[in-house]
C-alpha atoms as a PDB file:
ATOM      1  CA  MET A   1     -38.737  -6.842  -7.725  1.00  0.00           C
ATOM      2  CA  LEU A   2     -38.623  -4.693  -4.772  1.00  0.00           C
ATOM      3  CA  ALA A   3     -37.822  -6.166  -1.457  1.00  0.00           C
ATOM      4  CA  GLU A   4     -40.082  -6.977   0.978  1.00  0.00           C
ATOM      5  CA  VAL A   5     -39.205  -4.830   4.265  1.00  0.00           C
ATOM      6  CA  VAL A   6     -39.067  -1.900   1.660  1.00  0.00           C
ATOM      7  CA  GLN A   7     -42.837  -3.039   0.041  1.00  0.00           C
ATOM      8  CA  SER A   8     -44.511  -2.510   3.902  1.00  0.00           C
ATOM      9  CA  ARG A   9     -42.792   0.377   4.998  1.00  0.00           C
ATOM     10  CA  LEU A  10     -44.032   2.333   1.106  1.00  0.00           C
ATOM     11  CA  TYR A  11     -47.805   0.799   1.395  1.00  0.00           C
ATOM     12  CA  LYS A  12     -47.437   1.619   5.497  1.00  0.00           C
ATOM     13  CA  TRP A  13     -46.589   4.908   6.055  1.00  0.00           C
ATOM     14  CA  ASN A  14     -48.414   6.002   1.917  1.00  0.00           C
ATOM     15  CA  LEU A  15     -45.295   6.175   0.135  1.00  0.00           C
ATOM     16  CA  LYS A  16     -44.642   6.454  -4.317  1.00  0.00           C
ATOM     17  CA  LEU A  17     -41.878   4.806  -5.555  1.00  0.00           C
ATOM     18  CA  GLU A  18     -39.937   7.815  -7.831  1.00  0.00           C
ATOM     19  CA  GLU A  19     -37.205   6.448  -8.620  1.00  0.00           C
ATOM     20  CA  LYS A  20     -34.989   3.328  -8.580  1.00  0.00           C
ATOM     21  CA  PRO A  21     -34.017   1.612  -5.093  1.00  0.00           C
ATOM     22  CA  VAL A  22     -30.204   1.773  -3.993  1.00  0.00           C
ATOM     23  CA  GLU A  23     -28.831  -1.916  -2.421  1.00  0.00           C
ATOM     24  CA  THR A  24     -25.687  -1.276  -0.578  1.00  0.00           C
ATOM     25  CA  ASP A  25     -24.014  -3.911   1.591  1.00  0.00           C
ATOM     26  CA  SER A  26     -26.006  -2.166   5.092  1.00  0.00           C
ATOM     27  CA  SER A  27     -29.551  -0.902   3.730  1.00  0.00           C
ATOM     28  CA  TRP A  28     -31.553  -0.132   1.125  1.00  0.00           C
ATOM     29  CA  VAL A  29     -31.973   3.718   0.201  1.00  0.00           C
ATOM     30  CA  VAL A  30     -34.762   4.513  -1.985  1.00  0.00           C
ATOM     31  CA  PRO A  31     -36.524   7.921  -3.889  1.00  0.00           C
ATOM     32  CA  VAL A  32     -40.135   8.472  -3.000  1.00  0.00           C
ATOM     33  CA  LEU A  33     -42.922  11.420  -3.332  1.00  0.00           C
ATOM     34  CA  ALA A  34     -44.792  11.668   0.566  1.00  0.00           C
ATOM     35  CA  GLU A  35     -49.144  11.780   0.298  1.00  0.00           C
ATOM     36  CA  GLY A  36     -49.761  10.996   3.907  1.00  0.00           C
ATOM     37  CA  PRO A  37     -51.496  14.042   6.074  1.00  0.00           C
ATOM     38  CA  GLY A  38     -49.363  16.921   5.977  1.00  0.00           C
ATOM     39  CA  PHE A  39     -46.898  15.567   3.705  1.00  0.00           C
ATOM     40  CA  ASP A  40     -48.596  16.902  -0.191  1.00  0.00           C
ATOM     41  CA  GLY A  41     -46.069  14.843  -2.056  1.00  0.00           C
ATOM     42  CA  LEU A  42     -43.188  15.967  -0.615  1.00  0.00           C
ATOM     43  CA  ALA A  43     -39.946  14.704  -1.948  1.00  0.00           C
ATOM     44  CA  GLY A  44     -38.579  12.524   0.513  1.00  0.00           C
ATOM     45  CA  MET A  45     -35.783   9.062   0.576  1.00  0.00           C
ATOM     46  CA  LEU A  46     -37.013   6.219   3.021  1.00  0.00           C
ATOM     47  CA  LYS A  47     -34.032   3.580   4.139  1.00  0.00           C
ATOM     48  CA  VAL A  48     -34.570   1.009   5.937  1.00  0.00           C
ATOM     49  CA  ALA A  49     -31.723  -1.229   7.074  1.00  0.00           C
ATOM     50  CA  LYS A  50     -30.616  -4.550   6.915  1.00  0.00           C
ATOM     51  CA  THR A  51     -30.639  -7.736   8.701  1.00  0.00           C
ATOM     52  CA  SER A  52     -27.172  -7.333   9.818  1.00  0.00           C
ATOM     53  CA  SER A  53     -26.907  -4.064   9.272  1.00  0.00           C
ATOM     54  CA  ASP A  54     -24.927  -1.643  11.964  1.00  0.00           C
ATOM     55  CA  GLU A  55     -26.874   1.513  10.600  1.00  0.00           C
ATOM     56  CA  ARG A  56     -30.044   0.443  13.629  1.00  0.00           C
ATOM     57  CA  PRO A  57     -28.138   3.500  15.975  1.00  0.00           C
ATOM     58  CA  GLY A  58     -27.177   5.977  13.274  1.00  0.00           C
ATOM     59  CA  MET A  59     -30.953   6.142  12.562  1.00  0.00           C
ATOM     60  CA  ALA A  60     -31.820   6.797  16.323  1.00  0.00           C
ATOM     61  CA  LEU A  61     -29.099   9.085  16.320  1.00  0.00           C
ATOM     62  CA  LEU A  62     -29.824  11.085  13.890  1.00  0.00           C
ATOM     63  CA  ASP A  63     -34.055  10.887  15.676  1.00  0.00           C
ATOM     64  CA  TRP A  64     -32.742  12.640  18.608  1.00  0.00           C
ATOM     65  CA  TRP A  65     -30.858  15.072  17.110  1.00  0.00           C
ATOM     66  CA  ASP A  66     -35.084  16.372  16.607  1.00  0.00           C
ATOM     67  CA  GLY A  67     -33.723  17.945  12.899  1.00  0.00           C
ATOM     68  CA  ILE A  68     -31.716  20.699  14.245  1.00  0.00           C
ATOM     69  CA  GLY A  69     -27.900  20.370  12.517  1.00  0.00           C
ATOM     70  CA  ALA A  70     -29.263  16.945  11.184  1.00  0.00           C
ATOM     71  CA  VAL A  71     -31.399  16.188   8.571  1.00  0.00           C
ATOM     72  CA  GLU A  72     -35.378  15.546   9.686  1.00  0.00           C
ATOM     73  CA  VAL A  73     -36.059  12.442  10.613  1.00  0.00           C
ATOM     74  CA  LEU A  74     -40.455  12.351   9.366  1.00  0.00           C
ATOM     75  CA  ARG A  75     -41.182   8.520   9.959  1.00  0.00           C
ATOM     76  CA  ARG A  76     -38.951   6.440  11.962  1.00  0.00           C
ATOM     77  CA  ASP A  77     -39.080   2.574  12.602  1.00  0.00           C
ATOM     78  CA  ALA A  78     -36.462   0.287  14.764  1.00  0.00           C
ATOM     79  CA  ASP A  79     -35.573  -0.640  11.221  1.00  0.00           C
ATOM     80  CA  ALA A  80     -36.495   2.240   8.401  1.00  0.00           C
ATOM     81  CA  ILE A  81     -36.355   6.467   8.573  1.00  0.00           C
ATOM     82  CA  LEU A  82     -38.101   8.742   6.233  1.00  0.00           C
ATOM     83  CA  MET A  83     -36.081  11.931   5.536  1.00  0.00           C
ATOM     84  CA  PRO A  84     -36.703  14.750   3.587  1.00  0.00           C
ATOM     85  CA  ARG A  85     -35.204  14.849  -0.174  1.00  0.00           C
ATOM     86  CA  LEU A  86     -31.984  16.924   0.256  1.00  0.00           C
ATOM     87  CA  ASP A  87     -29.763  19.286  -2.093  1.00  0.00           C
ATOM     88  CA  ASP A  88     -27.114  16.795  -4.626  1.00  0.00           C
ATOM     89  CA  ARG A  89     -25.484  20.346  -5.399  1.00  0.00           C
ATOM     90  CA  PRO A  90     -24.454  22.735  -4.314  1.00  0.00           C
ATOM     91  CA  ALA A  91     -22.332  20.058  -2.680  1.00  0.00           C
ATOM     92  CA  LEU A  92     -19.489  20.874  -0.488  1.00  0.00           C
ATOM     93  CA  GLY A  93     -17.064  18.561  -1.618  1.00  0.00           C
ATOM     94  CA  ASN A  94     -17.088  20.419  -4.843  1.00  0.00           C
ATOM     95  CA  PRO A  95     -14.490  22.896  -6.260  1.00  0.00           C
ATOM     96  CA  ASP A  96     -16.254  24.340  -8.338  1.00  0.00           C
ATOM     97  CA  ASP A  97     -19.237  25.464  -5.945  1.00  0.00           C
ATOM     98  CA  PHE A  98     -17.127  26.077  -3.027  1.00  0.00           C
ATOM     99  CA  ASP A  99     -13.927  26.688  -2.206  1.00  0.00           C
ATOM    100  CA  ASP A 100     -11.946  25.332   0.887  1.00  0.00           C
ATOM    101  CA  ALA A 101     -12.209  28.340   3.403  1.00  0.00           C
ATOM    102  CA  THR A 102     -16.203  28.496   2.324  1.00  0.00           C
ATOM    103  CA  ALA A 103     -16.858  25.176   2.532  1.00  0.00           C
ATOM    104  CA  PHE A 104     -14.400  25.021   6.200  1.00  0.00           C
ATOM    105  CA  ASP A 105     -16.913  27.373   7.973  1.00  0.00           C
ATOM    106  CA  ILE A 106     -20.249  25.154   6.351  1.00  0.00           C
ATOM    107  CA  LEU A 107     -18.371  21.484   8.207  1.00  0.00           C
ATOM    108  CA  VAL A 108     -17.111  22.993  11.058  1.00  0.00           C
ATOM    109  CA  ALA A 109     -20.735  25.040  11.888  1.00  0.00           C
ATOM    110  CA  THR A 110     -22.769  22.032  11.804  1.00  0.00           C
ATOM    111  CA  THR A 111     -20.248  19.623  13.352  1.00  0.00           C
ATOM    112  CA  ASN A 112     -20.577  22.640  16.666  1.00  0.00           C
ATOM    113  CA  ARG A 113     -25.078  22.919  16.532  1.00  0.00           C
ATOM    114  CA  LEU A 114     -24.421  18.443  16.597  1.00  0.00           C
ATOM    115  CA  HIS A 115     -22.156  19.113  19.587  1.00  0.00           C
ATOM    116  CA  GLN A 116     -24.475  22.123  20.983  1.00  0.00           C
ATOM    117  CA  ARG A 117     -28.031  20.576  20.652  1.00  0.00           C
ATOM    118  CA  ALA A 118     -26.637  17.059  22.076  1.00  0.00           C
ATOM    119  CA  ARG A 119     -25.729  19.689  25.248  1.00  0.00           C
ATOM    120  CA  GLN A 120     -28.910  21.021  25.669  1.00  0.00           C
ATOM    121  CA  ARG A 121     -30.491  17.986  24.944  1.00  0.00           C
ATOM    122  CA  LEU A 122     -28.440  16.276  27.704  1.00  0.00           C
ATOM    123  CA  ALA A 123     -28.504  19.242  30.201  1.00  0.00           C
ATOM    124  CA  THR A 124     -29.186  18.841  34.162  1.00  0.00           C
ATOM    125  CA  GLY A 125     -33.158  19.848  34.397  1.00  0.00           C
ATOM    126  CA  HIS A 126     -34.398  18.024  30.961  1.00  0.00           C
ATOM    127  CA  ARG A 127     -31.972  15.290  30.306  1.00  0.00           C
ATOM    128  CA  GLU A 128     -33.268  13.431  27.730  1.00  0.00           C
ATOM    129  CA  PRO A 129     -32.071   9.566  27.475  1.00  0.00           C
ATOM    130  CA  LEU A 130     -29.001   8.250  24.762  1.00  0.00           C
ATOM    131  CA  PRO A 131     -30.396   6.232  22.394  1.00  0.00           C
ATOM    132  CA  ALA A 132     -29.623   2.573  22.324  1.00  0.00           C
ATOM    133  CA  GLY A 133     -26.892   0.787  20.778  1.00  0.00           C
ATOM    134  CA  LEU A 134     -24.338   4.098  20.083  1.00  0.00           C
ATOM    135  CA  THR A 135     -20.511   2.295  19.832  1.00  0.00           C
ATOM    136  CA  PRO A 136     -17.675   4.156  22.675  1.00  0.00           C
ATOM    137  CA  LEU A 137     -14.956   5.611  21.443  1.00  0.00           C
ATOM    138  CA  THR A 138     -13.586   2.992  23.680  1.00  0.00           C
ATOM    139  CA  GLU A 139     -14.824   0.312  21.647  1.00  0.00           C
ATOM    140  CA  ILE A 140     -13.398   1.676  18.749  1.00  0.00           C
ATOM    141  CA  ARG A 141     -10.055   2.289  19.589  1.00  0.00           C
ATOM    142  CA  ARG A 142     -10.051  -1.606  21.346  1.00  0.00           C
ATOM    143  CA  HIS A 143     -11.806  -2.800  17.849  1.00  0.00           C
ATOM    144  CA  VAL A 144      -8.961  -1.149  15.984  1.00  0.00           C
ATOM    145  CA  LEU A 145      -5.473  -1.146  17.835  1.00  0.00           C
ATOM    146  CA  ASP A 146      -6.290  -5.639  17.116  1.00  0.00           C
ATOM    147  CA  LEU A 147      -6.462  -4.947  13.371  1.00  0.00           C
ATOM    148  CA  PRO A 148      -2.777  -6.066  11.417  1.00  0.00           C
ATOM    149  CA  LEU A 149      -1.145  -1.957   9.715  1.00  0.00           C
ATOM    150  CA  ALA A 150      -2.569  -1.564  14.263  1.00  0.00           C
ATOM    151  CA  LYS A 151       0.419  -3.434  15.395  1.00  0.00           C
ATOM    152  CA  SER A 152       3.152  -2.853  12.136  1.00  0.00           C
ATOM    153  CA  GLU A 153       6.445  -1.020  13.163  1.00  0.00           C
ATOM    154  CA  ARG A 154       5.251   1.981  10.500  1.00  0.00           C
ATOM    155  CA  LEU A 155       2.351   2.544  12.766  1.00  0.00           C
ATOM    156  CA  ALA A 156       4.168   2.157  15.886  1.00  0.00           C
ATOM    157  CA  SER A 157       4.475   6.137  17.158  1.00  0.00           C
ATOM    158  CA  TRP A 158       0.559   6.562  16.689  1.00  0.00           C
ATOM    159  CA  ARG A 159      -0.117   3.349  18.417  1.00  0.00           C
ATOM    160  CA  ALA A 160       1.829   4.634  21.137  1.00  0.00           C
ATOM    161  CA  PHE A 161      -0.097   7.841  21.064  1.00  0.00           C
ATOM    162  CA  ALA A 162      -3.444   6.293  20.743  1.00  0.00           C
ATOM    163  CA  ILE A 163      -3.887   3.481  23.785  1.00  0.00           C
ATOM    164  CA  GLU A 164      -2.949   6.271  26.261  1.00  0.00           C
ATOM    165  CA  PHE A 165      -5.107   9.044  24.270  1.00  0.00           C
ATOM    166  CA  ASP A 166      -8.278  10.316  26.465  1.00  0.00           C
ATOM    167  CA  LEU A 167     -11.339   9.628  24.435  1.00  0.00           C
ATOM    168  CA  VAL A 168     -13.589  10.822  26.698  1.00  0.00           C
ATOM    169  CA  GLY A 169     -12.851  14.239  28.071  1.00  0.00           C
ATOM    170  CA  PRO A 170     -14.746  15.862  30.480  1.00  0.00           C
ATOM    171  CA  SER A 171     -18.142  15.750  28.741  1.00  0.00           C
ATOM    172  CA  PRO A 172     -18.363  13.171  25.933  1.00  0.00           C
ATOM    173  CA  LEU A 173     -21.065  13.452  23.987  1.00  0.00           C
ATOM    174  CA  PRO A 174     -22.995  11.186  20.881  1.00  0.00           C
ATOM    175  CA  LEU A 175     -20.919  11.863  17.855  1.00  0.00           C
ATOM    176  CA  HIS A 176     -21.989  11.569  14.307  1.00  0.00           C
ATOM    177  CA  GLY A 177     -18.240   9.891  13.743  1.00  0.00           C
ATOM    178  CA  ASP A 178     -17.719  10.136  10.367  1.00  0.00           C
ATOM    179  CA  ILE A 179     -18.804  14.215   9.095  1.00  0.00           C
ATOM    180  CA  HIS A 180     -17.255  15.122   5.765  1.00  0.00           C
ATOM    181  CA  HIS A 181     -17.827  17.021   2.741  1.00  0.00           C
ATOM    182  CA  GLY A 182     -20.014  13.849   1.169  1.00  0.00           C
ATOM    183  CA  ASN A 183     -21.800  13.546   4.868  1.00  0.00           C
ATOM    184  CA  VAL A 184     -23.592  17.172   4.999  1.00  0.00           C
ATOM    185  CA  MET A 185     -26.291  18.238   2.527  1.00  0.00           C
ATOM    186  CA  HIS A 186     -28.297  20.676   2.198  1.00  0.00           C
ATOM    187  CA  ASP A 187     -32.248  21.374   3.279  1.00  0.00           C
ATOM    188  CA  PRO A 188     -34.454  23.300   0.519  1.00  0.00           C
ATOM    189  CA  ALA A 189     -36.738  23.417   3.638  1.00  0.00           C
ATOM    190  CA  GLN A 190     -34.727  24.302   6.337  1.00  0.00           C
ATOM    191  CA  GLY A 191     -32.087  26.602   4.159  1.00  0.00           C
ATOM    192  CA  ALA A 192     -29.917  24.403   6.641  1.00  0.00           C
ATOM    193  CA  TRP A 193     -26.628  22.959   5.698  1.00  0.00           C
ATOM    194  CA  VAL A 194     -27.324  19.018   7.576  1.00  0.00           C
ATOM    195  CA  VAL A 195     -25.278  15.731   7.674  1.00  0.00           C
ATOM    196  CA  ILE A 196     -26.540  12.947   7.291  1.00  0.00           C
ATOM    197  CA  ASP A 197     -25.584   9.060   7.915  1.00  0.00           C
ATOM    198  CA  PRO A 198     -24.104   9.028  10.798  1.00  0.00           C
ATOM    199  CA  LYS A 199     -22.473   6.016  12.489  1.00  0.00           C
ATOM    200  CA  GLY A 200     -23.752   6.712  16.355  1.00  0.00           C
ATOM    201  CA  TYR A 201     -20.775   6.829  18.806  1.00  0.00           C
ATOM    202  CA  VAL A 202     -20.271   8.004  22.048  1.00  0.00           C
ATOM    203  CA  GLY A 203     -17.173  10.795  23.795  1.00  0.00           C
ATOM    204  CA  HIS A 204     -14.786  12.983  23.005  1.00  0.00           C
ATOM    205  CA  PRO A 205     -16.990  15.633  20.561  1.00  0.00           C
ATOM    206  CA  GLY A 206     -13.167  16.439  19.282  1.00  0.00           C
ATOM    207  CA  TYR A 207     -12.729  13.148  18.034  1.00  0.00           C
ATOM    208  CA  ASP A 208     -15.786  14.454  15.191  1.00  0.00           C
ATOM    209  CA  PHE A 209     -13.717  16.770  13.513  1.00  0.00           C
ATOM    210  CA  GLY A 210     -10.880  14.174  12.384  1.00  0.00           C
ATOM    211  CA  ASN A 211     -12.622  13.285   9.374  1.00  0.00           C
ATOM    212  CA  LEU A 212     -12.456  16.352   7.699  1.00  0.00           C
ATOM    213  CA  PHE A 213      -9.188  16.697   6.806  1.00  0.00           C
ATOM    214  CA  PHE A 214      -9.015  13.580   4.676  1.00  0.00           C
ATOM    215  CA  ASN A 215     -11.853  14.947   2.774  1.00  0.00           C
ATOM    216  CA  PRO A 216     -13.216  14.677  -0.711  1.00  0.00           C
ATOM    217  CA  LEU A 217     -11.868  11.316  -0.794  1.00  0.00           C
ATOM    218  CA  ASP A 218     -11.746  11.734  -4.351  1.00  0.00           C
ATOM    219  CA  GLN A 219      -9.470  14.947  -4.478  1.00  0.00           C
ATOM    220  CA  PRO A 220      -6.048  13.441  -2.845  1.00  0.00           C
ATOM    221  CA  GLN A 221      -3.078  15.806  -3.746  1.00  0.00           C
ATOM    222  CA  ARG A 222      -5.648  18.752  -2.686  1.00  0.00           C
ATOM    223  CA  VAL A 223      -6.311  17.444   0.843  1.00  0.00           C
ATOM    224  CA  GLY A 224      -2.533  16.422   1.509  1.00  0.00           C
ATOM    225  CA  ASP A 225      -1.392  20.349   1.328  1.00  0.00           C
ATOM    226  CA  PRO A 226      -0.391  21.438   4.529  1.00  0.00           C
ATOM    227  CA  PHE A 227      -1.693  25.001   4.410  1.00  0.00           C
ATOM    228  CA  ARG A 228      -5.237  23.363   3.573  1.00  0.00           C
ATOM    229  CA  MET A 229      -4.574  21.312   6.993  1.00  0.00           C
ATOM    230  CA  ARG A 230      -3.540  24.129   8.780  1.00  0.00           C
ATOM    231  CA  ARG A 231      -6.701  26.440   7.172  1.00  0.00           C
ATOM    232  CA  LEU A 232      -8.941  23.508   8.731  1.00  0.00           C
ATOM    233  CA  THR A 233      -7.181  23.324  11.816  1.00  0.00           C
ATOM    234  CA  GLU A 234      -7.722  26.981  12.474  1.00  0.00           C
ATOM    235  CA  ALA A 235     -11.329  27.046  11.789  1.00  0.00           C
ATOM    236  CA  VAL A 236     -11.909  24.529  14.042  1.00  0.00           C
ATOM    237  CA  SER A 237      -9.849  26.287  16.494  1.00  0.00           C
ATOM    238  CA  ALA A 238     -11.299  30.054  15.946  1.00  0.00           C
ATOM    239  CA  SER A 239     -15.332  27.868  15.859  1.00  0.00           C
ATOM    240  CA  THR A 240     -15.234  27.248  19.732  1.00  0.00           C
ATOM    241  CA  SER A 241     -13.069  29.592  21.348  1.00  0.00           C
ATOM    242  CA  SER A 242     -15.806  31.322  23.394  1.00  0.00           C
ATOM    243  CA  PRO A 243     -15.162  29.877  27.271  1.00  0.00           C
ATOM    244  CA  GLY A 244     -18.659  28.473  27.306  1.00  0.00           C
ATOM    245  CA  GLU A 245     -20.234  27.193  25.044  1.00  0.00           C
ATOM    246  CA  GLY A 246     -18.729  23.933  24.659  1.00  0.00           C
ATOM    247  CA  VAL A 247     -14.852  22.709  24.713  1.00  0.00           C
ATOM    248  CA  VAL A 248     -12.328  25.144  23.161  1.00  0.00           C
ATOM    249  CA  TYR A 249      -9.868  23.721  21.642  1.00  0.00           C
ATOM    250  CA  ARG A 250      -6.296  24.585  20.896  1.00  0.00           C
ATOM    251  CA  PRO A 251      -4.439  23.619  17.078  1.00  0.00           C
ATOM    252  CA  ALA A 252      -2.357  21.098  18.643  1.00  0.00           C
ATOM    253  CA  ASP A 253      -5.552  19.397  20.436  1.00  0.00           C
ATOM    254  CA  ILE A 254      -7.454  19.513  16.702  1.00  0.00           C
ATOM    255  CA  LEU A 255      -4.453  18.349  15.149  1.00  0.00           C
ATOM    256  CA  ASP A 256      -4.513  15.232  17.639  1.00  0.00           C
ATOM    257  CA  PHE A 257      -7.294  14.640  16.828  1.00  0.00           C
ATOM    258  CA  ALA A 258      -6.974  14.119  13.182  1.00  0.00           C
ATOM    259  CA  TYR A 259      -3.770  12.103  13.799  1.00  0.00           C
ATOM    260  CA  LEU A 260      -6.373  10.049  15.760  1.00  0.00           C
ATOM    261  CA  TYR A 261      -8.796   9.864  13.195  1.00  0.00           C
ATOM    262  CA  GLY A 262      -5.762   9.201  10.065  1.00  0.00           C
ATOM    263  CA  GLY A 263      -4.494   6.070  12.108  1.00  0.00           C
ATOM    264  CA  PHE A 264      -8.095   4.980  12.831  1.00  0.00           C
ATOM    265  CA  SER A 265      -8.595   5.182   9.531  1.00  0.00           C
ATOM    266  CA  VAL A 266      -6.112   3.787   7.219  1.00  0.00           C
ATOM    267  CA  SER A 267      -5.704   0.534   9.878  1.00  0.00           C
ATOM    268  CA  TRP A 268      -9.245   0.317   8.857  1.00  0.00           C
ATOM    269  CA  GLY A 269      -8.469   0.602   5.410  1.00  0.00           C
ATOM    270  CA  ALA A 270      -5.477  -0.878   4.686  1.00  0.00           C
ATOM    271  CA  GLU A 271      -6.695  -3.014   1.944  1.00  0.00           C
ATOM    272  CA  ALA A 272      -8.427  -0.326   0.204  1.00  0.00           C
ATOM    273  CA  TYR A 273      -7.317   1.534  -3.121  1.00  0.00           C
ATOM    274  CA  TRP A 274      -6.895   4.448  -1.371  1.00  0.00           C
ATOM    275  CA  VAL A 275      -5.023   3.860   2.165  1.00  0.00           C
ATOM    276  CA  GLU A 276      -1.465   5.175   0.293  1.00  0.00           C
ATOM    277  CA  HIS A 277      -3.140   8.601  -0.558  1.00  0.00           C
ATOM    278  CA  ARG A 278      -4.422   8.533   3.032  1.00  0.00           C
ATOM    279  CA  MET A 279      -0.928   7.488   4.408  1.00  0.00           C
ATOM    280  CA  ALA A 280       0.670  10.215   2.646  1.00  0.00           C
ATOM    281  CA  GLN A 281      -2.462  12.790   4.423  1.00  0.00           C
ATOM    282  CA  PHE A 282      -2.106  10.742   7.910  1.00  0.00           C
ATOM    283  CA  GLU A 283       2.164  11.576   7.939  1.00  0.00           C
ATOM    284  CA  MET A 284       1.436  15.332   6.679  1.00  0.00           C
ATOM    285  CA  ILE A 285      -0.405  16.197   9.415  1.00  0.00           C
ATOM    286  CA  GLN A 286       2.392  13.608  11.948  1.00  0.00           C
ATOM    287  CA  CYS A 287       4.654  16.103  10.404  1.00  0.00           C
ATOM    288  CA  LEU A 288       2.460  19.263  11.250  1.00  0.00           C
ATOM    289  CA  ARG A 289       2.280  17.845  14.237  1.00  0.00           C
ATOM    290  CA  ASP A 290       6.089  17.372  14.983  1.00  0.00           C
ATOM    291  CA  GLU A 291       6.550  21.288  14.034  1.00  0.00           C
ATOM    292  CA  GLY A 292       4.217  22.355  16.575  1.00  0.00           C
ATOM    293  CA  VAL A 293       1.097  23.643  14.239  1.00  0.00           C
END
């Protein structure tokens, strides 16, 4: 039986249920056909947040990006969004579809599009208010530093680094906060790669590159390859090397954000099945930083 909040959106937005909804801890995700004026049976995806969900700021941020670098929001209210259906394949994390170099180029370019869009919307003269409820990175850090693993001797060096790290930068932006291979998908309507499922943070844009170093999650040996990490560092640095286009990142800057994110991640996931693999990847990032790569 459909939840009433899902059923009400199907009726309100003239949507036809196409497949069984997927229920997560925070939302319902529902494949639908949009039959209202202008949609003509468009294949869509309805997401409805649960009462306790923390996804609402991210849903508002998707709408704020207005379909540039992010999936288009076709309809939205306080608790739900309707989006076009995206392609499951090709998938950036599938080695049968993409090699690392090509996947990195797409991931980095999509991240840069988001940041450039944000700069346009925040530019003097036509500044657009940020969505309500975005979480500052400084608040994320405060939370993480209170977690047991972040207080442990194993992360003592990282903790000292994280406490002093500049999470704001000269021009803070709204951030996705969780960009990885599974959260960047191909939109057949736009013919472009777009993000889904933002966390909805605000702070230094370099943070959005950090999680790229730790994914795909299900391929830990591939992810932990130091040569692969160096290639990603070079890809990000090369893409941001033009002054005037945003922040210019040196390889050392990029590894700092990867190191920061790695410490956040293992602290969050201290009880997760993947934590030791991620800890090994995190320690490899630390080695690359120490080597001055």
